[in-house]
Amino acid sequence: MTKKMTKKTTGNITEKQTVLTSKLTNGLKTYEIIDFYDLSYPHSSAQILKQKNEKRKTEIEEKINGEIETKTEPESENLLYRIIEPVLSSEKQLLFDKIISLLNDSINPNLFENKNKSKTELLKKSFFEILKIYSIRLSEKDAAEMFYFIERNFLKFCEISPLLDDKNIEDISCNGYDLPIYVFHQKYGSVKTTLSFSKPQLDLLVRRMAQSSKKHISVSNPMTDATMPDGSRVHLTLGNEITVKGSTFTIRKFNEKPFLPADLVSNKTFTAEMMAYLWLCVESNMNIIFAGGTASGKTTSLNAVCHFIPRHKKIVSIEDTREINLPHENWVSGISRAGSEAADEIMNSNSFSNYSKKLTLYDLLKAALRQRPEYILVGEIRGSEAYVLFQAMSTGHTTLSTMHAESVDTLIHRLENPPMNVPRVMIQTLDVLVVLAQTEENGHFYKKCLSVHEIIETDPQTSEILTQDIFNKQRAQSIDLFSNSVVLKRIQERKGWAKDELRREFEKRIRFLINEQKGEKENGEKENEEKENGEKENGEKENGEKENGEKENGEKGKKEKEMKIYDI
């Protein structure tokens, strides 16, 4: 939910928006504001702009079989994302540059290693010490604005920091020098921003992101994948060696507050019946793969259903970059490590080396089997690790994973062929396949579960893998789960339940999810209102102690929500 500037949301532009509209630069005169919300109150906010007098529908008449077809132009093509930040006057800018220079000269690099204080507190202390030493007098507002930019440039990632602060943005893409940055907005889809970087700015930013992620990037090694300090995934290229238009970066943002199962029911990614079915599957040690295209919600769904794993079970997760975020204590999180060919050669020759050896998902998965896990989670299978994963299924380990495939047939075809090479007889150890997709409705983008399939067995005569779709979005009528579901029958046998007891357990979970969905919605609206009132009060009073207290309480509340494990 986007937070408006006023307590009551209305269809009219607020007074603050009207003022901002009148201050649009000449290049944006043809745009009007359709959405506006705070990012880091009171210093940064976001505007969604739309071209004026643009028809929502661009009609193109084409004769197809004698009929006229009307095509609709995507609304996102006419949208623009704009960041609003304080504007420093020429005098303030000169003073700001001087303070930045003094900070660069005076700050000890070891200063931020103090674990008892946050980096922001240490930087703020240094900032006010410089103001005191050089007798620089600033009003509270000017000091707050200057420190906002200092923190943004020292501790964050300069101009793209507001984009990273925007909870509505999923991806951030920069395609080269002096080209506009694009973002993928949860509500508006792919939107162009007013932000771009020159060659020196972009090269410096790419190197900075690599260094903050403890990765190396240079002309000789111009490409790397990394995990940013906040957990977001980033792909970086430097210079024109492999990307013609210059340095690039693509950030897939990491959600520190993971989606809960009730959240996915609330946003209609899953129905309550689908989620209750997956709840029973996870509890009963069924093997599940979430399949779909790019940005279809595979890892989000995997992370959400893992809240159904009983709290005492041993979990081992394996990923290329950190995405899985669980509340369980008995959880080993493994991440693969990229090495170099030189390092591997030296390691193979049993010589001492300071190089880091490459550790793949295949290596981590083999090691995981020695840790006696009860649940194995693999972020995404795409190579030889698939064979080990299905071996783990065959030996009784419960596995949950994701994979790029848009149907059952596509998934089976990918599994059977290189580089996975999983024998067909082993594929039948998979119990459930969940197919997801990103859909567009009325110009807005949504992640939906299209179907849930059960893997029944391999036909002994034709060697074909027999499957059935237990849930299907396109099917007009739902089937009787308790009469047709092979997986539910397996669960019934494992639990020793009668058919009526299985039905009661299933319906009990549906009721729980619906009630949880309602409770989350009411609590979310209440928290947003309290946060809005608190932020505005803090902005007026500039009470530092209260800000720190509210931040601690907010972090505590967020942690409590993250630690939720679904037990019945």
Protein backbone atom coordinates (compact mmCIF):
# COMPACT_ATOMS: atom_id res chain seq x y z
CA MET A 1 0.00 0.00 0.00
CA THR A 2 1.44 3.32 -1.02
CA LYS A 3 1.38 5.92 1.74
CA LYS A 4 -0.18 9.24 0.74
CA MET A 5 0.75 12.62 2.08
CA THR A 6 -2.68 13.09 3.65
CA LYS A 7 -4.34 10.88 6.22
CA LYS A 8 -7.38 10.39 4.01
CA THR A 9 -6.75 9.09 0.53
CA THR A 10 -8.68 10.98 -2.10
CA GLY A 11 -8.74 11.05 -5.86
CA ASN A 12 -7.65 14.70 -5.93
CA ILE A 13 -4.07 15.93 -6.03
CA THR A 14 -3.00 17.14 -2.60
CA GLU A 15 -1.82 20.68 -1.92
CA LYS A 16 1.82 19.56 -1.78
CA GLN A 17 1.45 17.74 -5.10
CA THR A 18 -0.06 20.87 -6.68
CA VAL A 19 2.95 22.92 -5.57
CA LEU A 20 5.30 20.31 -6.98
CA THR A 21 3.36 20.20 -10.24
CA SER A 22 3.86 23.94 -10.70
CA LYS A 23 7.60 23.42 -10.25
CA LEU A 24 7.99 20.78 -12.97
CA THR A 25 10.88 21.60 -15.28
CA ASN A 26 10.26 22.53 -18.89
CA GLY A 27 11.05 19.01 -20.05
CA LEU A 28 8.24 17.65 -17.85
CA LYS A 29 5.58 20.24 -18.64
CA THR A 30 3.70 17.67 -20.71
CA TYR A 31 3.33 15.38 -17.68
CA GLU A 32 0.86 15.33 -14.79
CA ILE A 33 1.21 13.64 -11.40
CA ILE A 34 -0.94 10.53 -10.95
CA ASP A 35 0.70 9.15 -7.79
CA PHE A 36 2.89 10.54 -5.02
CA TYR A 37 4.32 8.96 -1.85
CA ASP A 38 7.18 9.39 0.63
CA LEU A 39 10.38 7.37 0.52
CA SER A 40 12.52 8.77 3.35
CA TYR A 41 10.34 11.36 5.08
CA PRO A 42 10.76 14.32 4.97
CA HIS A 43 13.69 14.40 2.53
CA SER A 44 12.79 12.17 -0.39
CA SER A 45 9.60 11.17 -2.16
CA ALA A 46 8.51 9.63 -5.45
CA GLN A 47 6.23 10.91 -8.18
CA ILE A 48 4.59 8.86 -10.90
CA LEU A 49 4.01 11.13 -13.90
CA LYS A 50 1.82 10.54 -16.95
CA GLN A 51 1.81 12.41 -20.21
CA LYS A 52 -1.10 14.82 -20.52
CA ASN A 53 -3.83 14.33 -23.12
CA GLU A 54 -2.54 10.85 -23.89
CA LYS A 55 -5.27 8.40 -24.73
CA ARG A 56 -5.14 5.25 -22.72
CA LYS A 57 -5.92 3.29 -25.86
CA THR A 58 -4.05 3.59 -29.12
CA GLU A 59 -6.33 2.09 -31.67
CA ILE A 60 -4.72 0.30 -34.57
CA GLU A 61 -7.01 -1.15 -37.15
CA GLU A 62 -5.83 -4.34 -38.72
CA LYS A 63 -7.85 -6.59 -40.94
CA ILE A 64 -7.50 -10.13 -39.74
CA ASN A 65 -9.80 -12.63 -41.43
CA GLY A 66 -12.02 -9.77 -42.48
CA GLU A 67 -12.36 -8.40 -38.93
CA ILE A 68 -10.96 -5.20 -37.40
CA GLU A 69 -8.76 -5.71 -34.33
CA THR A 70 -8.18 -2.96 -31.75
CA LYS A 71 -4.84 -3.07 -29.96
CA THR A 72 -4.15 -1.36 -26.64
CA GLU A 73 -0.90 0.44 -25.99
CA PRO A 74 0.55 -0.38 -22.54
CA GLU A 75 -0.04 2.49 -20.13
CA SER A 76 3.46 2.13 -18.66
CA GLU A 77 4.94 3.48 -21.92
CA ASN A 78 3.51 6.92 -21.06
CA LEU A 79 4.68 6.94 -17.42
CA LEU A 80 7.71 8.49 -15.79
CA TYR A 81 9.18 7.92 -12.31
CA ARG A 82 10.64 11.02 -10.65
CA ILE A 83 12.57 11.35 -7.38
CA ILE A 84 11.97 14.50 -5.30
CA GLU A 85 14.84 15.55 -3.02
CA PRO A 86 15.83 18.83 -1.35
CA VAL A 87 17.48 21.34 -3.71
CA LEU A 88 20.60 23.00 -2.34
CA SER A 89 21.24 26.62 -3.36
CA SER A 90 24.59 27.50 -4.96
CA GLU A 91 25.89 28.79 -1.61
CA LYS A 92 24.75 25.68 0.26
CA GLN A 93 26.22 23.48 -2.47
CA LEU A 94 29.64 25.11 -2.02
CA LEU A 95 29.39 24.63 1.74
CA PHE A 96 28.25 21.03 1.25
CA ASP A 97 31.23 20.27 -1.02
CA LYS A 98 33.56 21.78 1.59
CA ILE A 99 32.05 19.64 4.38
CA ILE A 100 32.37 16.52 2.21
CA SER A 101 36.05 17.32 1.62
CA LEU A 102 36.63 17.80 5.36
CA LEU A 103 34.88 14.54 6.17
CA ASN A 104 36.98 12.67 3.62
CA ASP A 105 40.13 14.05 5.22
CA SER A 106 39.12 13.54 8.84
CA ILE A 107 37.23 10.25 8.98
CA ASN A 108 39.25 7.22 10.04
CA PRO A 109 38.34 4.15 7.92
CA ASN A 110 38.30 2.06 11.10
CA LEU A 111 35.66 4.35 12.61
CA PHE A 112 32.76 2.33 11.22
CA GLU A 113 34.05 -0.93 12.73
CA ASN A 114 32.58 0.11 16.09
CA LYS A 115 29.81 -2.46 16.56
CA ASN A 116 28.28 -0.67 19.54
CA LYS A 117 27.06 2.24 17.42
CA SER A 118 25.42 2.36 14.01
CA LYS A 119 27.29 3.81 11.05
CA THR A 120 24.69 6.57 10.78
CA GLU A 121 25.29 7.66 14.39
CA LEU A 122 29.08 7.69 13.91
CA LEU A 123 28.80 9.67 10.68
CA LYS A 124 26.38 12.15 12.27
CA LYS A 125 28.79 12.64 15.18
CA SER A 126 31.65 13.40 12.77
CA PHE A 127 29.43 15.80 10.82
CA PHE A 128 28.48 17.87 13.87
CA GLU A 129 32.08 17.87 15.12
CA ILE A 130 33.16 19.51 11.85
CA LEU A 131 30.38 22.09 12.16
CA LYS A 132 31.60 22.88 15.67
CA ILE A 133 35.33 22.98 14.85
CA TYR A 134 34.91 25.30 11.85
CA SER A 135 32.12 27.37 13.48
CA ILE A 136 29.66 26.56 10.69
CA ARG A 137 26.16 27.64 11.67
CA LEU A 138 23.21 25.92 10.06
CA SER A 139 19.52 25.89 10.83
CA GLU A 140 18.03 22.57 11.91
CA LYS A 141 16.39 22.18 8.50
CA ASP A 142 19.61 22.91 6.56
CA ALA A 143 21.64 20.60 8.82
CA ALA A 144 19.09 17.80 8.35
CA GLU A 145 19.09 18.24 4.57
CA MET A 146 22.88 18.28 4.36
CA PHE A 147 23.21 15.20 6.52
CA TYR A 148 20.64 13.43 4.33
CA PHE A 149 22.93 13.91 1.31
CA ILE A 150 26.06 13.06 3.33
CA GLU A 151 24.55 9.80 4.54
CA ARG A 152 23.28 9.06 1.03
CA ASN A 153 26.73 9.55 -0.52
CA PHE A 154 28.86 8.02 2.25
CA LEU A 155 26.85 5.03 3.47
CA LYS A 156 24.47 4.34 0.58
CA PHE A 157 24.67 4.43 -3.21
CA CYS A 158 24.31 8.12 -4.06
CA GLU A 159 21.53 9.00 -6.51
CA ILE A 160 19.98 5.50 -6.69
CA SER A 161 19.50 5.33 -2.89
CA PRO A 162 15.87 6.57 -3.06
CA LEU A 163 15.11 3.80 -5.57
CA LEU A 164 16.49 1.25 -3.13
CA ASP A 165 14.33 2.80 -0.38
CA ASP A 166 11.15 2.45 -2.47
CA LYS A 167 9.32 -0.67 -1.29
CA ASN A 168 7.20 -0.64 -4.47
CA ILE A 169 10.20 -1.20 -6.76
CA GLU A 170 11.33 -4.76 -7.52
CA ASP A 171 14.08 -4.24 -10.14
CA ILE A 172 16.41 -1.35 -11.05
CA SER A 173 18.16 -1.38 -14.45
CA CYS A 174 20.85 0.90 -15.89
CA ASN A 175 21.68 0.15 -19.54
CA GLY A 176 24.67 2.42 -20.15
CA TYR A 177 26.12 5.92 -20.10
CA ASP A 178 23.65 8.84 -20.23
CA LEU A 179 20.71 6.48 -20.62
CA PRO A 180 17.63 6.67 -18.36
CA ILE A 181 17.37 4.18 -15.52
CA TYR A 182 14.33 1.91 -15.63
CA VAL A 183 12.52 0.41 -12.65
CA PHE A 184 9.91 -2.31 -12.35
CA HIS A 185 7.14 -0.95 -10.14
CA GLN A 186 4.74 -3.34 -8.42
CA LYS A 187 1.75 -1.23 -9.45
CA TYR A 188 2.82 0.35 -12.75
CA GLY A 189 5.19 -2.21 -14.28
CA SER A 190 8.29 -1.15 -16.19
CA VAL A 191 8.70 2.63 -15.87
CA LYS A 192 11.41 5.00 -17.10
CA THR A 193 12.93 7.34 -14.51
CA THR A 194 14.35 10.86 -14.83
CA LEU A 195 17.71 9.58 -13.51
CA SER A 196 20.80 8.87 -15.65
CA PHE A 197 24.60 8.75 -15.16
CA SER A 198 27.57 10.08 -17.11
CA LYS A 199 30.56 7.81 -17.81
CA PRO A 200 32.65 8.86 -14.75
CA GLN A 201 29.61 8.69 -12.44
CA LEU A 202 28.46 5.27 -13.65
CA ASP A 203 31.90 3.65 -13.65
CA LEU A 204 32.48 4.90 -10.09
CA LEU A 205 29.06 3.65 -8.94
CA VAL A 206 29.60 0.19 -10.48
CA ARG A 207 32.99 -0.14 -8.77
CA ARG A 208 31.48 1.02 -5.49
CA MET A 209 28.67 -1.55 -5.63
CA ALA A 210 31.19 -4.30 -6.38
CA GLN A 211 33.45 -3.28 -3.49
CA SER A 212 30.55 -3.04 -1.04
CA SER A 213 29.60 -6.58 -2.05
CA LYS A 214 33.21 -7.78 -1.56
CA LYS A 215 33.59 -8.50 -5.26
CA HIS A 216 36.26 -7.44 -7.75
CA ILE A 217 35.47 -5.78 -11.08
CA SER A 218 38.00 -4.31 -13.50
CA VAL A 219 38.85 -4.01 -17.20
CA SER A 220 40.37 -7.50 -17.10
CA ASN A 221 37.35 -8.90 -15.20
CA PRO A 222 34.49 -6.65 -16.42
CA MET A 223 31.50 -8.68 -15.21
CA THR A 224 30.36 -10.00 -11.84
CA ASP A 225 27.29 -11.09 -9.90
CA ALA A 226 27.07 -10.05 -6.27
CA THR A 227 24.88 -9.69 -3.21
CA MET A 228 24.58 -6.14 -1.91
CA PRO A 229 24.77 -5.38 1.84
CA ASP A 230 20.95 -5.28 2.09
CA GLY A 231 20.66 -8.70 0.42
CA SER A 232 19.65 -7.47 -3.04
CA ARG A 233 21.09 -9.28 -6.06
CA VAL A 234 23.11 -7.21 -8.52
CA HIS A 235 24.65 -7.95 -11.90
CA LEU A 236 27.45 -5.55 -12.88
CA THR A 237 29.44 -4.86 -16.05
CA LEU A 238 32.22 -2.28 -16.40
CA GLY A 239 33.13 -0.28 -19.48
CA ASN A 240 32.51 -1.08 -23.14
CA GLU A 241 34.25 -4.46 -23.28
CA ILE A 242 31.14 -6.62 -23.10
CA THR A 243 28.32 -4.04 -23.06
CA VAL A 244 28.51 -1.68 -26.02
CA LYS A 245 26.67 1.24 -24.39
CA GLY A 246 28.94 1.31 -21.36
CA SER A 247 28.80 0.11 -17.75
CA THR A 248 25.52 -1.44 -16.62
CA PHE A 249 23.88 -2.74 -13.47
CA THR A 250 20.70 -4.66 -12.73
CA ILE A 251 19.48 -4.85 -9.13
CA ARG A 252 16.91 -7.43 -8.02
CA LYS A 253 15.81 -6.06 -4.67
CA PHE A 254 15.74 -8.26 -1.57
CA ASN A 255 12.70 -8.02 0.66
CA GLU A 256 13.88 -7.99 4.28
CA LYS A 257 10.30 -8.60 5.41
CA PRO A 258 9.41 -11.85 3.62
CA PHE A 259 5.94 -12.49 2.31
CA LEU A 260 3.90 -14.74 4.57
CA PRO A 261 1.43 -17.30 3.16
CA ALA A 262 -1.47 -15.04 4.18
CA ASP A 263 0.13 -12.20 2.20
CA LEU A 264 0.11 -14.27 -0.99
CA VAL A 265 -3.54 -15.14 -0.40
CA SER A 266 -4.33 -11.49 0.26
CA ASN A 267 -2.73 -10.27 -2.99
CA LYS A 268 -4.45 -13.12 -4.89
CA THR A 269 -1.28 -14.90 -5.99
CA PHE A 270 -2.81 -18.04 -4.46
CA THR A 271 -6.31 -18.91 -3.35
CA ALA A 272 -6.81 -20.00 0.25
CA GLU A 273 -7.53 -23.55 -1.02
CA MET A 274 -4.23 -23.68 -2.94
CA MET A 275 -2.26 -22.45 0.06
CA ALA A 276 -3.99 -24.89 2.44
CA TYR A 277 -3.14 -27.71 0.03
CA LEU A 278 0.54 -26.64 -0.05
CA TRP A 279 0.48 -26.36 3.76
CA LEU A 280 -0.50 -30.01 4.06
CA CYS A 281 2.11 -30.97 1.45
CA VAL A 282 4.99 -29.20 3.23
CA GLU A 283 4.00 -30.58 6.63
CA SER A 284 3.77 -34.09 5.19
CA ASN A 285 7.21 -34.02 3.53
CA MET A 286 6.12 -33.79 -0.11
CA ASN A 287 8.64 -32.69 -2.76
CA ILE A 288 7.67 -29.45 -4.49
CA ILE A 289 9.07 -27.39 -7.38
CA PHE A 290 7.88 -23.86 -8.12
CA ALA A 291 8.19 -23.18 -11.86
CA GLY A 292 7.61 -20.10 -13.98
CA GLY A 293 9.23 -17.37 -16.02
CA THR A 294 11.43 -14.50 -14.86
CA ALA A 295 9.96 -12.42 -12.00
CA SER A 296 6.91 -14.68 -11.72
CA GLY A 297 7.19 -15.08 -7.93
CA LYS A 298 8.93 -18.46 -7.72
CA THR A 299 11.34 -17.66 -4.87
CA THR A 300 8.74 -15.50 -3.09
CA SER A 301 6.32 -18.46 -3.09
CA LEU A 302 9.04 -20.88 -2.01
CA ASN A 303 10.00 -18.62 0.88
CA ALA A 304 6.37 -18.20 1.94
CA VAL A 305 5.45 -21.91 2.04
CA CYS A 306 8.61 -22.65 4.04
CA HIS A 307 6.83 -20.96 6.97
CA PHE A 308 4.81 -24.18 7.10
CA ILE A 309 7.90 -26.25 8.00
CA PRO A 310 7.66 -27.27 11.67
CA ARG A 311 9.98 -25.14 13.79
CA HIS A 312 12.15 -28.01 15.10
CA LYS A 313 12.99 -29.55 11.71
CA LYS A 314 16.56 -29.38 10.33
CA ILE A 315 16.69 -27.21 7.17
CA VAL A 316 19.57 -26.69 4.74
CA SER A 317 19.18 -24.08 1.98
CA ILE A 318 21.48 -23.66 -1.02
CA GLU A 319 21.56 -20.59 -3.28
CA ASP A 320 23.74 -18.66 -5.70
CA THR A 321 22.71 -15.36 -4.10
CA ARG A 322 20.89 -14.89 -0.81
CA GLU A 323 17.13 -14.78 -1.31
CA ILE A 324 15.62 -17.30 1.11
CA ASN A 325 14.82 -15.72 4.48
CA LEU A 326 13.37 -18.03 7.15
CA PRO A 327 12.38 -17.60 10.80
CA HIS A 328 13.64 -21.07 11.80
CA GLU A 329 16.60 -21.43 14.15
CA ASN A 330 17.57 -24.96 13.02
CA TRP A 331 18.51 -23.70 9.55
CA VAL A 332 21.85 -23.81 7.70
CA SER A 333 22.02 -21.26 4.89
CA GLY A 334 24.57 -22.02 2.15
CA ILE A 335 25.65 -19.72 -0.70
CA SER A 336 27.80 -20.77 -3.65
CA ARG A 337 31.12 -19.03 -4.29
CA ALA A 338 32.58 -17.97 -7.62
CA GLY A 339 36.29 -18.72 -8.01
CA SER A 340 38.81 -18.54 -10.82
CA GLU A 341 40.28 -21.07 -13.22
CA ALA A 342 43.75 -20.31 -11.88
CA ALA A 343 42.59 -21.02 -8.34
CA ASP A 344 41.04 -24.35 -9.35
CA GLU A 345 44.25 -25.42 -11.14
CA ILE A 346 46.36 -24.54 -8.11
CA MET A 347 43.96 -26.31 -5.75
CA ASN A 348 44.01 -29.41 -7.92
CA SER A 349 47.82 -29.44 -7.82
CA ASN A 350 47.66 -29.47 -3.97
CA SER A 351 49.67 -26.24 -3.80
CA PHE A 352 49.04 -23.53 -1.24
CA SER A 353 47.12 -20.58 -2.64
CA ASN A 354 45.46 -17.40 -1.48
CA TYR A 355 42.92 -17.77 -4.28
CA SER A 356 39.39 -18.85 -3.41
CA LYS A 357 38.22 -22.14 -4.87
CA LYS A 358 34.95 -22.20 -6.77
CA LEU A 359 32.08 -23.83 -4.86
CA THR A 360 29.00 -24.55 -6.97
CA LEU A 361 25.44 -25.50 -6.05
CA TYR A 362 26.43 -29.06 -6.97
CA ASP A 363 29.23 -29.02 -4.36
CA LEU A 364 26.99 -27.51 -1.68
CA LEU A 365 24.17 -29.94 -2.37
CA LYS A 366 26.48 -32.94 -2.00
CA ALA A 367 27.76 -31.49 1.27
CA ALA A 368 24.19 -30.85 2.46
CA LEU A 369 23.34 -34.55 2.22
CA ARG A 370 26.03 -35.24 4.83
CA GLN A 371 24.35 -32.89 7.32
CA ARG A 372 21.27 -35.08 7.75
CA PRO A 373 18.73 -32.41 6.75
CA GLU A 374 15.01 -33.05 6.94
CA TYR A 375 14.26 -30.31 4.39
CA ILE A 376 16.57 -29.24 1.53
CA LEU A 377 15.82 -25.92 -0.18
CA VAL A 378 17.54 -25.04 -3.46
CA GLY A 379 17.11 -21.46 -4.70
CA GLU A 380 17.05 -22.50 -8.35
CA ILE A 381 18.11 -25.65 -10.19
CA ARG A 382 19.63 -25.12 -13.61
CA GLY A 383 22.56 -27.53 -13.97
CA SER A 384 24.14 -30.74 -12.71
CA GLU A 385 22.82 -30.10 -9.19
CA ALA A 386 19.38 -31.24 -10.46
CA TYR A 387 20.60 -34.85 -10.58
CA VAL A 388 21.82 -34.69 -6.98
CA LEU A 389 18.55 -33.04 -5.91
CA PHE A 390 16.45 -35.87 -7.38
CA GLN A 391 18.78 -38.40 -5.81
CA ALA A 392 18.05 -36.70 -2.48
CA MET A 393 14.32 -37.04 -3.17
CA SER A 394 14.81 -40.74 -3.95
CA THR A 395 16.61 -41.31 -0.64
CA GLY A 396 13.82 -39.77 1.44
CA HIS A 397 14.90 -36.14 1.83
CA THR A 398 12.15 -33.55 1.46
CA THR A 399 13.14 -30.96 -1.12
CA LEU A 400 11.66 -27.67 -2.24
CA SER A 401 13.13 -25.73 -5.16
CA THR A 402 12.44 -23.38 -8.06
CA MET A 403 13.06 -23.74 -11.78
CA HIS A 404 12.53 -21.82 -15.00
CA ALA A 405 9.71 -23.62 -16.84
CA GLU A 406 6.24 -22.52 -17.88
CA SER A 407 4.48 -25.90 -18.00
CA VAL A 408 4.81 -29.52 -16.93
CA ASP A 409 6.04 -30.60 -20.37
CA THR A 410 8.69 -27.85 -20.41
CA LEU A 411 9.90 -28.81 -16.95
CA ILE A 412 10.20 -32.51 -17.82
CA HIS A 413 11.99 -31.69 -21.08
CA ARG A 414 14.52 -29.47 -19.27
CA LEU A 415 15.13 -32.05 -16.55
CA GLU A 416 15.76 -34.90 -18.99
CA ASN A 417 18.21 -33.03 -21.22
CA PRO A 418 21.68 -31.54 -20.65
CA PRO A 419 22.96 -30.08 -18.42
CA MET A 420 20.54 -31.62 -15.88
CA ASN A 421 20.27 -35.17 -17.29
CA VAL A 422 17.78 -36.51 -14.72
CA PRO A 423 16.51 -40.00 -15.65
CA ARG A 424 12.76 -40.12 -16.24
CA VAL A 425 12.32 -42.81 -13.60
CA MET A 426 13.68 -40.38 -10.97
CA ILE A 427 11.39 -37.50 -12.01
CA GLN A 428 8.39 -39.38 -10.62
CA THR A 429 9.79 -38.84 -7.09
CA LEU A 430 8.62 -35.22 -7.45
CA ASP A 431 5.16 -34.87 -5.88
CA VAL A 432 3.89 -31.37 -6.73
CA LEU A 433 4.65 -28.80 -9.42
CA VAL A 434 3.38 -25.22 -8.96
CA VAL A 435 3.31 -23.10 -12.14
CA LEU A 436 3.40 -19.31 -11.69
CA ALA A 437 3.36 -16.39 -14.11
CA GLN A 438 3.35 -12.62 -14.18
CA THR A 439 0.04 -11.45 -15.60
CA GLU A 440 -1.19 -8.04 -16.74
CA GLU A 441 -4.69 -6.80 -15.95
CA ASN A 442 -5.89 -3.29 -16.80
CA GLY A 443 -2.34 -2.04 -17.21
CA HIS A 444 -1.20 -3.41 -13.82
CA PHE A 445 1.05 -6.42 -13.25
CA TYR A 446 0.26 -9.29 -10.88
CA LYS A 447 1.95 -12.56 -9.95
CA LYS A 448 -0.46 -15.47 -10.14
CA CYS A 449 -0.42 -19.20 -9.58
CA LEU A 450 -1.79 -20.56 -12.86
CA SER A 451 -1.96 -24.24 -11.90
CA VAL A 452 -0.86 -26.87 -9.41
CA HIS A 453 0.06 -30.29 -10.81
CA GLU A 454 0.59 -33.66 -9.18
CA ILE A 455 3.14 -36.13 -10.53
CA ILE A 456 1.39 -39.50 -10.35
CA GLU A 457 3.75 -42.12 -11.82
CA THR A 458 5.55 -43.29 -14.95
CA ASP A 459 3.39 -45.32 -17.32
CA PRO A 460 5.09 -48.75 -17.53
CA GLN A 461 4.01 -49.27 -21.16
CA THR A 462 4.65 -45.85 -22.75
CA SER A 463 7.22 -44.55 -20.21
CA GLU A 464 5.30 -41.28 -20.17
CA ILE A 465 5.07 -39.39 -16.88
CA LEU A 466 1.44 -39.21 -15.80
CA THR A 467 0.32 -35.93 -14.22
CA GLN A 468 -2.89 -34.17 -13.28
CA ASP A 469 -3.67 -30.53 -12.60
CA ILE A 470 -5.35 -30.37 -9.23
CA PHE A 471 -5.86 -26.59 -9.46
CA ASN A 472 -6.16 -24.70 -12.73
CA LYS A 473 -6.98 -21.02 -13.15
CA GLN A 474 -8.50 -21.59 -16.60
CA ARG A 475 -10.77 -24.44 -15.55
CA ALA A 476 -14.36 -23.32 -15.09
CA GLN A 477 -15.24 -25.88 -12.42
CA SER A 478 -13.04 -27.14 -9.60
CA ILE A 479 -12.56 -30.85 -9.09
CA ASP A 480 -13.26 -32.81 -5.92
CA LEU A 481 -9.85 -32.75 -4.22
CA PHE A 482 -10.55 -35.51 -1.75
CA SER A 483 -11.65 -37.95 -4.46
CA ASN A 484 -9.10 -37.09 -7.16
CA SER A 485 -5.92 -35.87 -5.46
CA VAL A 486 -3.24 -38.57 -5.34
CA VAL A 487 -1.02 -36.45 -3.06
CA LEU A 488 -3.81 -35.90 -0.51
CA LYS A 489 -4.37 -39.67 -0.44
CA ARG A 490 -0.65 -40.15 0.29
CA ILE A 491 -0.90 -37.56 3.08
CA GLN A 492 -3.96 -39.32 4.48
CA GLU A 493 -2.05 -42.62 4.60
CA ARG A 494 1.06 -41.08 6.19
CA LYS A 495 -0.95 -39.29 8.87
CA GLY A 496 -3.30 -42.21 9.51
CA TRP A 497 -6.34 -39.98 8.99
CA ALA A 498 -9.81 -40.94 7.88
CA LYS A 499 -11.19 -39.09 4.85
CA ASP A 500 -13.42 -36.90 7.04
CA GLU A 501 -10.44 -36.00 9.25
CA LEU A 502 -8.39 -35.01 6.18
CA ARG A 503 -11.25 -32.77 5.05
CA ARG A 504 -11.47 -31.17 8.52
CA GLU A 505 -7.72 -30.47 8.60
CA PHE A 506 -7.87 -28.96 5.11
CA GLU A 507 -10.85 -26.71 5.94
CA LYS A 508 -9.28 -25.71 9.26
CA ARG A 509 -6.22 -24.40 7.41
CA ILE A 510 -8.39 -22.50 4.93
CA ARG A 511 -10.21 -20.75 7.80
CA PHE A 512 -6.90 -19.97 9.50
CA LEU A 513 -5.45 -18.38 6.34
CA ILE A 514 -8.59 -16.30 5.70
CA ASN A 515 -8.62 -15.03 9.30
CA GLU A 516 -4.88 -14.36 9.17
CA GLN A 517 -5.36 -12.45 5.92
CA LYS A 518 -8.00 -10.22 7.51
CA GLY A 519 -5.86 -9.67 10.60
CA GLU A 520 -2.77 -8.74 8.54
CA LYS A 521 -4.80 -6.24 6.52
CA GLU A 522 -6.23 -4.52 9.63
CA ASN A 523 -2.84 -4.44 11.36
CA GLY A 524 -1.16 -3.10 8.21
CA GLU A 525 -3.62 -0.21 7.89
CA LYS A 526 -3.22 0.63 11.58
CA GLU A 527 0.61 0.51 11.38
CA ASN A 528 0.64 2.74 8.28
CA GLU A 529 -1.54 5.35 10.00
CA GLU A 530 0.57 5.29 13.18
CA LYS A 531 3.79 5.47 11.15
CA GLU A 532 2.49 8.41 9.11
CA ASN A 533 1.44 10.34 12.22
CA GLY A 534 4.73 9.53 13.96
CA GLU A 535 6.85 10.56 10.97
CA LYS A 536 5.09 13.89 10.61
CA GLU A 537 5.35 14.59 14.33
CA ASN A 538 9.06 13.75 14.25
CA GLY A 539 9.56 15.97 11.21
CA GLU A 540 8.04 18.91 13.05
CA LYS A 541 9.73 18.38 16.41
CA GLU A 542 13.11 17.04 15.16
CA ASN A 543 13.28 14.87 18.25
CA GLY A 544 16.28 12.59 17.79
CA GLU A 545 15.64 10.38 20.80
CA LYS A 546 12.10 9.72 19.73
CA GLU A 547 13.24 8.87 16.19
CA ASN A 548 15.73 6.31 17.51
CA GLY A 549 13.12 4.83 19.83
CA GLU A 550 10.57 4.51 17.04
CA LYS A 551 13.18 2.95 14.77
CA GLU A 552 14.05 0.34 17.42
CA ASN A 553 10.37 -0.43 18.03
CA GLY A 554 9.77 -0.70 14.28
CA GLU A 555 12.69 -3.09 13.84
CA LYS A 556 11.43 -5.15 16.78
CA GLY A 557 7.92 -5.32 15.33
CA LYS A 558 9.26 -6.25 11.91
CA LYS A 559 11.41 -9.00 13.41
CA GLU A 560 8.44 -10.41 15.31
CA LYS A 561 6.46 -10.60 12.08
CA GLU A 562 9.38 -12.27 10.28
CA MET A 563 9.68 -14.89 13.04
CA LYS A 564 6.18 -16.18 12.42
CA ILE A 565 5.96 -19.95 11.87
CA TYR A 566 2.58 -21.40 10.97
CA ASP A 567 1.67 -24.07 13.51
CA ILE A 568 -1.74 -25.63 14.07
